[in-house]
Structure formats: C-alpha cells, structure tokens
Amino acid sequence: MTNRTGNPTAAALYLRFGRALRQRRKEVSLTQLALAGRVGLSRSAIAQIELGGQHVSLRMVYELADALGTDPVSLLPPVRRRVPLSAEMERILARHPHQHERQLAREFFEAERSRCATDGQ
C-alpha cells in the first residue's frame, strides 16, 4: 500500500507503526496493560494501535516511545526519498510524449536504481 511517490499510505503507516510498537513492547517485556497504564490509555486502545486500527497523535507517539525507553523515530516507518535520475535517464523520459508513459518510465528507472543500490550493499 503505497501512494504515487512510493511512500506508504496512511493505513500502511499506522500498521507499520503498530507493528514497531508491538515489537518494542515485547523487547522490553511489557504487557499491553502495563504500557497502557504508563501512557494513560486502555489495554484495548494499545491493542488497536498495534493493529493499525487506531490513529495516534504526535504527542502520543512521544509518550509511547518514552514509556518504552526508545526514541520516537525508532517507532516510525522510514520515508522513501525520490532518487535523482541521471541526465541520460532524463533524456529518455523526455522522449515519451504522454504523461503516463513518462511516469511508467520514471518508476522503472527508480526501481532499477534502488535495486542496484541494494544489490551493491
């Protein structure tokens, strides 16, 4: 579930946040009830957050992170940054007269660049 920039949709963000929260909670050996008590929520609210079904405020992200002894950023999914294309790739894209063809070519080049960068690690 991603949007046109390749970043996760809102639903996917909350799901990934919930998974990270659950993983960290288990790492520090806390129950949902114990975490809920530390941040002033109900156990069922924590369960819903972990399932991605309840949205949380930025303030609550900080409170949850503090209760789990971690940095708030560690609970957040990473953002996919657009990879700049080479001049040659930009020239190829310019040859496609239709917007949807340019978009498909751009997505292909970005996927190839990401794959090559991953393979090289």
N, C-alpha and C. Protein backbone atom coordinates (compact mmCIF):
# COMPACT_ATOMS: atom_id res chain seq x y z
N MET A 1 0.83 -1.17 0.00
CA MET A 1 0.00 0.00 0.00
C MET A 1 0.88 1.25 0.00
N THR A 2 1.13 1.78 -1.22
CA THR A 2 1.92 2.99 -1.33
C THR A 2 1.18 4.01 -2.18
N ASN A 3 1.56 5.27 -2.02
CA ASN A 3 0.99 6.31 -2.85
C ASN A 3 1.86 6.50 -4.08
N ARG A 4 1.56 7.50 -4.88
CA ARG A 4 2.27 7.66 -6.16
C ARG A 4 3.74 8.01 -5.99
N THR A 5 4.18 8.47 -4.84
CA THR A 5 5.60 8.75 -4.61
C THR A 5 6.34 7.53 -4.08
N GLY A 6 5.61 6.46 -3.87
CA GLY A 6 6.24 5.25 -3.35
C GLY A 6 6.25 5.17 -1.84
N ASN A 7 5.73 6.20 -1.17
CA ASN A 7 5.66 6.18 0.29
C ASN A 7 4.39 5.46 0.73
N PRO A 8 4.39 4.90 1.92
CA PRO A 8 3.22 4.16 2.39
C PRO A 8 1.99 5.05 2.53
N THR A 9 0.82 4.47 2.32
CA THR A 9 -0.44 5.18 2.54
C THR A 9 -0.61 5.39 4.05
N ALA A 10 -1.61 6.19 4.41
CA ALA A 10 -1.87 6.44 5.83
C ALA A 10 -2.15 5.13 6.56
N ALA A 11 -2.97 4.27 5.96
CA ALA A 11 -3.30 2.99 6.60
C ALA A 11 -2.04 2.14 6.81
N ALA A 12 -1.18 2.13 5.82
CA ALA A 12 0.06 1.36 5.93
C ALA A 12 0.99 1.95 6.99
N LEU A 13 1.01 3.28 7.09
CA LEU A 13 1.85 3.93 8.11
C LEU A 13 1.41 3.52 9.51
N TYR A 14 0.11 3.57 9.77
CA TYR A 14 -0.39 3.21 11.09
C TYR A 14 -0.15 1.72 11.38
N LEU A 15 -0.26 0.88 10.36
CA LEU A 15 0.00 -0.54 10.54
C LEU A 15 1.47 -0.78 10.87
N ARG A 16 2.37 -0.13 10.15
CA ARG A 16 3.81 -0.28 10.41
C ARG A 16 4.18 0.29 11.77
N PHE A 17 3.58 1.43 12.13
CA PHE A 17 3.83 1.99 13.45
C PHE A 17 3.38 1.00 14.52
N GLY A 18 2.20 0.43 14.36
CA GLY A 18 1.68 -0.54 15.33
C GLY A 18 2.57 -1.75 15.48
N ARG A 19 3.09 -2.24 14.37
CA ARG A 19 4.00 -3.39 14.43
C ARG A 19 5.29 -3.04 15.17
N ALA A 20 5.82 -1.86 14.88
CA ALA A 20 7.05 -1.43 15.57
C ALA A 20 6.79 -1.26 17.06
N LEU A 21 5.63 -0.71 17.40
CA LEU A 21 5.27 -0.53 18.81
C LEU A 21 5.19 -1.89 19.51
N ARG A 22 4.51 -2.84 18.89
CA ARG A 22 4.38 -4.17 19.48
C ARG A 22 5.75 -4.83 19.65
N GLN A 23 6.58 -4.73 18.63
CA GLN A 23 7.92 -5.34 18.71
C GLN A 23 8.71 -4.75 19.86
N ARG A 24 8.71 -3.42 19.98
CA ARG A 24 9.46 -2.78 21.06
C ARG A 24 8.86 -3.12 22.42
N ARG A 25 7.54 -3.16 22.51
CA ARG A 25 6.88 -3.50 23.78
C ARG A 25 7.31 -4.90 24.23
N LYS A 26 7.38 -5.82 23.29
CA LYS A 26 7.79 -7.19 23.64
C LYS A 26 9.28 -7.25 23.99
N GLU A 27 10.09 -6.43 23.30
CA GLU A 27 11.53 -6.39 23.60
C GLU A 27 11.78 -5.98 25.05
N VAL A 28 10.96 -5.06 25.55
CA VAL A 28 11.15 -4.59 26.93
C VAL A 28 10.25 -5.35 27.91
N SER A 29 9.65 -6.42 27.44
CA SER A 29 8.84 -7.32 28.27
C SER A 29 7.70 -6.62 29.00
N LEU A 30 6.96 -5.80 28.25
CA LEU A 30 5.78 -5.15 28.82
C LEU A 30 4.52 -5.77 28.23
N THR A 31 3.49 -5.88 29.04
CA THR A 31 2.19 -6.29 28.52
C THR A 31 1.50 -5.07 27.95
N GLN A 32 0.45 -5.31 27.17
CA GLN A 32 -0.34 -4.18 26.68
C GLN A 32 -0.92 -3.40 27.85
N LEU A 33 -1.35 -4.09 28.87
CA LEU A 33 -1.93 -3.44 30.04
C LEU A 33 -0.91 -2.56 30.76
N ALA A 34 0.31 -3.05 30.90
CA ALA A 34 1.36 -2.26 31.58
C ALA A 34 1.70 -1.02 30.76
N LEU A 35 1.82 -1.17 29.44
CA LEU A 35 2.11 0.00 28.59
C LEU A 35 0.96 0.99 28.65
N ALA A 36 -0.25 0.48 28.61
CA ALA A 36 -1.43 1.35 28.68
C ALA A 36 -1.42 2.18 29.97
N GLY A 37 -1.06 1.54 31.08
CA GLY A 37 -1.00 2.25 32.35
C GLY A 37 0.03 3.36 32.36
N ARG A 38 1.15 3.14 31.67
CA ARG A 38 2.21 4.14 31.63
C ARG A 38 1.84 5.38 30.82
N VAL A 39 0.95 5.20 29.84
CA VAL A 39 0.62 6.33 28.96
C VAL A 39 -0.82 6.83 29.11
N GLY A 40 -1.56 6.21 30.02
CA GLY A 40 -2.93 6.68 30.28
C GLY A 40 -3.95 6.26 29.24
N LEU A 41 -3.74 5.11 28.61
CA LEU A 41 -4.71 4.56 27.67
C LEU A 41 -5.24 3.24 28.20
N SER A 42 -6.26 2.72 27.55
CA SER A 42 -6.77 1.40 27.92
C SER A 42 -5.96 0.33 27.19
N ARG A 43 -6.03 -0.91 27.70
CA ARG A 43 -5.36 -2.01 27.05
C ARG A 43 -5.89 -2.21 25.64
N SER A 44 -7.21 -2.05 25.47
CA SER A 44 -7.79 -2.23 24.14
C SER A 44 -7.32 -1.15 23.16
N ALA A 45 -7.06 0.06 23.67
CA ALA A 45 -6.53 1.11 22.80
C ALA A 45 -5.13 0.74 22.32
N ILE A 46 -4.31 0.21 23.21
CA ILE A 46 -2.96 -0.24 22.81
C ILE A 46 -3.08 -1.36 21.77
N ALA A 47 -4.00 -2.30 21.99
CA ALA A 47 -4.19 -3.39 21.04
C ALA A 47 -4.59 -2.84 19.67
N GLN A 48 -5.49 -1.87 19.65
CA GLN A 48 -5.92 -1.28 18.38
C GLN A 48 -4.79 -0.51 17.69
N ILE A 49 -3.97 0.18 18.47
CA ILE A 49 -2.82 0.88 17.89
C ILE A 49 -1.87 -0.13 17.27
N GLU A 50 -1.61 -1.22 17.97
CA GLU A 50 -0.70 -2.24 17.45
C GLU A 50 -1.23 -2.90 16.18
N LEU A 51 -2.52 -2.91 16.02
CA LEU A 51 -3.13 -3.49 14.81
C LEU A 51 -3.29 -2.46 13.70
N GLY A 52 -2.91 -1.22 13.99
CA GLY A 52 -3.04 -0.16 12.99
C GLY A 52 -4.44 0.41 12.88
N GLY A 53 -5.30 0.04 13.80
CA GLY A 53 -6.70 0.47 13.73
C GLY A 53 -7.02 1.75 14.46
N GLN A 54 -6.10 2.23 15.27
CA GLN A 54 -6.35 3.48 16.00
C GLN A 54 -5.22 4.44 15.69
N HIS A 55 -5.59 5.62 15.26
CA HIS A 55 -4.60 6.64 14.95
C HIS A 55 -4.11 7.29 16.24
N VAL A 56 -2.86 7.67 16.25
CA VAL A 56 -2.29 8.29 17.44
C VAL A 56 -1.76 9.68 17.09
N SER A 57 -1.82 10.54 18.07
CA SER A 57 -1.30 11.90 17.88
C SER A 57 0.23 11.89 17.99
N LEU A 58 0.83 12.94 17.51
CA LEU A 58 2.28 13.08 17.62
C LEU A 58 2.71 13.06 19.09
N ARG A 59 1.94 13.72 19.93
CA ARG A 59 2.24 13.73 21.37
C ARG A 59 2.23 12.31 21.92
N MET A 60 1.26 11.49 21.48
CA MET A 60 1.17 10.11 21.97
C MET A 60 2.33 9.27 21.45
N VAL A 61 2.82 9.54 20.25
CA VAL A 61 3.99 8.83 19.74
C VAL A 61 5.16 9.05 20.71
N TYR A 62 5.33 10.30 21.14
CA TYR A 62 6.41 10.61 22.08
C TYR A 62 6.18 9.94 23.43
N GLU A 63 4.95 9.94 23.91
CA GLU A 63 4.66 9.31 25.20
C GLU A 63 4.90 7.80 25.13
N LEU A 64 4.47 7.18 24.05
CA LEU A 64 4.68 5.73 23.90
C LEU A 64 6.17 5.42 23.83
N ALA A 65 6.91 6.20 23.06
CA ALA A 65 8.35 5.98 22.95
C ALA A 65 9.03 6.13 24.30
N ASP A 66 8.65 7.16 25.05
CA ASP A 66 9.23 7.38 26.37
C ASP A 66 8.91 6.21 27.30
N ALA A 67 7.68 5.73 27.25
CA ALA A 67 7.28 4.61 28.11
C ALA A 67 8.04 3.33 27.75
N LEU A 68 8.47 3.24 26.49
CA LEU A 68 9.20 2.05 26.04
C LEU A 68 10.72 2.26 26.07
N GLY A 69 11.16 3.44 26.54
CA GLY A 69 12.59 3.70 26.64
C GLY A 69 13.29 3.77 25.29
N THR A 70 12.64 4.36 24.31
CA THR A 70 13.22 4.45 22.98
C THR A 70 12.98 5.83 22.38
N ASP A 71 13.60 6.07 21.26
CA ASP A 71 13.44 7.31 20.53
C ASP A 71 12.17 7.22 19.67
N PRO A 72 11.36 8.26 19.59
CA PRO A 72 10.14 8.20 18.78
C PRO A 72 10.40 7.80 17.32
N VAL A 73 11.52 8.23 16.78
CA VAL A 73 11.83 7.92 15.38
C VAL A 73 11.95 6.42 15.15
N SER A 74 12.38 5.69 16.17
CA SER A 74 12.54 4.24 16.01
C SER A 74 11.21 3.53 15.82
N LEU A 75 10.12 4.18 16.16
CA LEU A 75 8.79 3.59 16.00
C LEU A 75 8.15 3.96 14.67
N LEU A 76 8.74 4.93 13.96
CA LEU A 76 8.14 5.42 12.73
C LEU A 76 8.71 4.72 11.50
N PRO A 77 7.85 4.45 10.52
CA PRO A 77 8.35 3.84 9.28
C PRO A 77 9.24 4.83 8.52
N PRO A 78 10.21 4.33 7.78
CA PRO A 78 11.07 5.22 7.01
C PRO A 78 10.33 5.86 5.84
N VAL A 79 10.80 7.01 5.41
CA VAL A 79 10.23 7.70 4.25
C VAL A 79 11.10 7.37 3.05
N ARG A 80 10.45 7.05 1.95
CA ARG A 80 11.18 6.77 0.71
C ARG A 80 11.47 8.10 0.03
N ARG A 81 12.73 8.37 -0.18
CA ARG A 81 13.10 9.60 -0.85
C ARG A 81 13.26 9.33 -2.33
N ARG A 82 12.81 10.28 -3.13
CA ARG A 82 12.92 10.14 -4.58
C ARG A 82 14.39 10.18 -4.97
N VAL A 83 14.81 9.23 -5.78
CA VAL A 83 16.19 9.11 -6.21
C VAL A 83 16.39 9.98 -7.46
N PRO A 84 17.38 10.89 -7.47
CA PRO A 84 17.60 11.67 -8.68
C PRO A 84 18.05 10.78 -9.83
N LEU A 85 17.56 11.08 -11.02
CA LEU A 85 17.91 10.30 -12.19
C LEU A 85 19.08 10.94 -12.91
N SER A 86 19.82 10.11 -13.65
CA SER A 86 20.95 10.62 -14.43
C SER A 86 20.42 11.44 -15.60
N ALA A 87 21.29 12.24 -16.20
CA ALA A 87 20.92 13.06 -17.35
C ALA A 87 20.44 12.17 -18.49
N GLU A 88 21.09 11.03 -18.68
CA GLU A 88 20.68 10.11 -19.76
C GLU A 88 19.26 9.60 -19.53
N MET A 89 18.94 9.24 -18.31
CA MET A 89 17.60 8.76 -17.99
C MET A 89 16.58 9.88 -18.19
N GLU A 90 16.93 11.10 -17.82
CA GLU A 90 16.02 12.23 -18.02
C GLU A 90 15.77 12.47 -19.50
N ARG A 91 16.81 12.30 -20.35
CA ARG A 91 16.63 12.45 -21.80
C ARG A 91 15.68 11.39 -22.34
N ILE A 92 15.82 10.16 -21.85
CA ILE A 92 14.92 9.09 -22.28
C ILE A 92 13.49 9.42 -21.88
N LEU A 93 13.32 9.90 -20.67
CA LEU A 93 11.98 10.26 -20.20
C LEU A 93 11.37 11.37 -21.05
N ALA A 94 12.20 12.32 -21.48
CA ALA A 94 11.70 13.45 -22.27
C ALA A 94 11.18 13.01 -23.63
N ARG A 95 11.62 11.86 -24.13
CA ARG A 95 11.18 11.36 -25.43
C ARG A 95 9.74 10.85 -25.40
N HIS A 96 9.23 10.52 -24.23
CA HIS A 96 7.87 10.00 -24.12
C HIS A 96 6.89 11.16 -24.02
N PRO A 97 6.02 11.29 -25.04
CA PRO A 97 5.14 12.46 -25.08
C PRO A 97 3.98 12.42 -24.09
N HIS A 98 3.60 11.26 -23.63
CA HIS A 98 2.44 11.16 -22.76
C HIS A 98 2.87 11.05 -21.29
N GLN A 99 2.15 11.76 -20.46
CA GLN A 99 2.45 11.81 -19.03
C GLN A 99 2.52 10.42 -18.41
N HIS A 100 1.56 9.55 -18.74
CA HIS A 100 1.55 8.21 -18.12
C HIS A 100 2.76 7.38 -18.57
N GLU A 101 3.22 7.58 -19.80
CA GLU A 101 4.41 6.86 -20.25
C GLU A 101 5.65 7.37 -19.52
N ARG A 102 5.73 8.68 -19.34
CA ARG A 102 6.86 9.24 -18.59
C ARG A 102 6.87 8.73 -17.16
N GLN A 103 5.68 8.66 -16.56
CA GLN A 103 5.59 8.19 -15.18
C GLN A 103 6.01 6.73 -15.07
N LEU A 104 5.56 5.90 -16.02
CA LEU A 104 5.95 4.48 -16.00
C LEU A 104 7.46 4.33 -16.17
N ALA A 105 8.03 5.10 -17.09
CA ALA A 105 9.48 5.03 -17.30
C ALA A 105 10.23 5.49 -16.05
N ARG A 106 9.77 6.58 -15.43
CA ARG A 106 10.41 7.09 -14.21
C ARG A 106 10.36 6.03 -13.11
N GLU A 107 9.21 5.42 -12.92
CA GLU A 107 9.07 4.39 -11.88
C GLU A 107 10.01 3.21 -12.17
N PHE A 108 10.13 2.83 -13.44
CA PHE A 108 11.03 1.74 -13.80
C PHE A 108 12.47 2.11 -13.46
N PHE A 109 12.91 3.31 -13.88
CA PHE A 109 14.29 3.72 -13.61
C PHE A 109 14.56 3.82 -12.11
N GLU A 110 13.60 4.36 -11.36
CA GLU A 110 13.79 4.47 -9.91
C GLU A 110 13.87 3.09 -9.26
N ALA A 111 13.03 2.17 -9.71
CA ALA A 111 13.07 0.81 -9.16
C ALA A 111 14.40 0.14 -9.49
N GLU A 112 14.88 0.33 -10.71
CA GLU A 112 16.16 -0.25 -11.10
C GLU A 112 17.31 0.34 -10.28
N ARG A 113 17.28 1.64 -10.09
CA ARG A 113 18.34 2.29 -9.31
C ARG A 113 18.32 1.79 -7.87
N SER A 114 17.12 1.68 -7.29
CA SER A 114 17.01 1.18 -5.91
C SER A 114 17.49 -0.26 -5.82
N ARG A 115 17.11 -1.08 -6.83
CA ARG A 115 17.53 -2.48 -6.83
C ARG A 115 19.04 -2.59 -6.93
N CYS A 116 19.63 -1.78 -7.80
CA CYS A 116 21.10 -1.81 -7.98
C CYS A 116 21.80 -1.34 -6.70
N ALA A 117 21.25 -0.33 -6.06
CA ALA A 117 21.85 0.18 -4.82
C ALA A 117 21.77 -0.89 -3.72
N THR A 118 20.67 -1.61 -3.67
CA THR A 118 20.50 -2.67 -2.68
C THR A 118 21.44 -3.84 -2.98
N ASP A 119 21.56 -4.20 -4.26
CA ASP A 119 22.44 -5.30 -4.64
C ASP A 119 23.90 -4.99 -4.32
N GLY A 120 24.26 -3.72 -4.38
CA GLY A 120 25.64 -3.33 -4.15
C GLY A 120 26.04 -3.28 -2.69
N GLN A 121 25.09 -3.43 -1.78
CA GLN A 121 25.41 -3.35 -0.34
C GLN A 121 25.93 -4.63 0.21
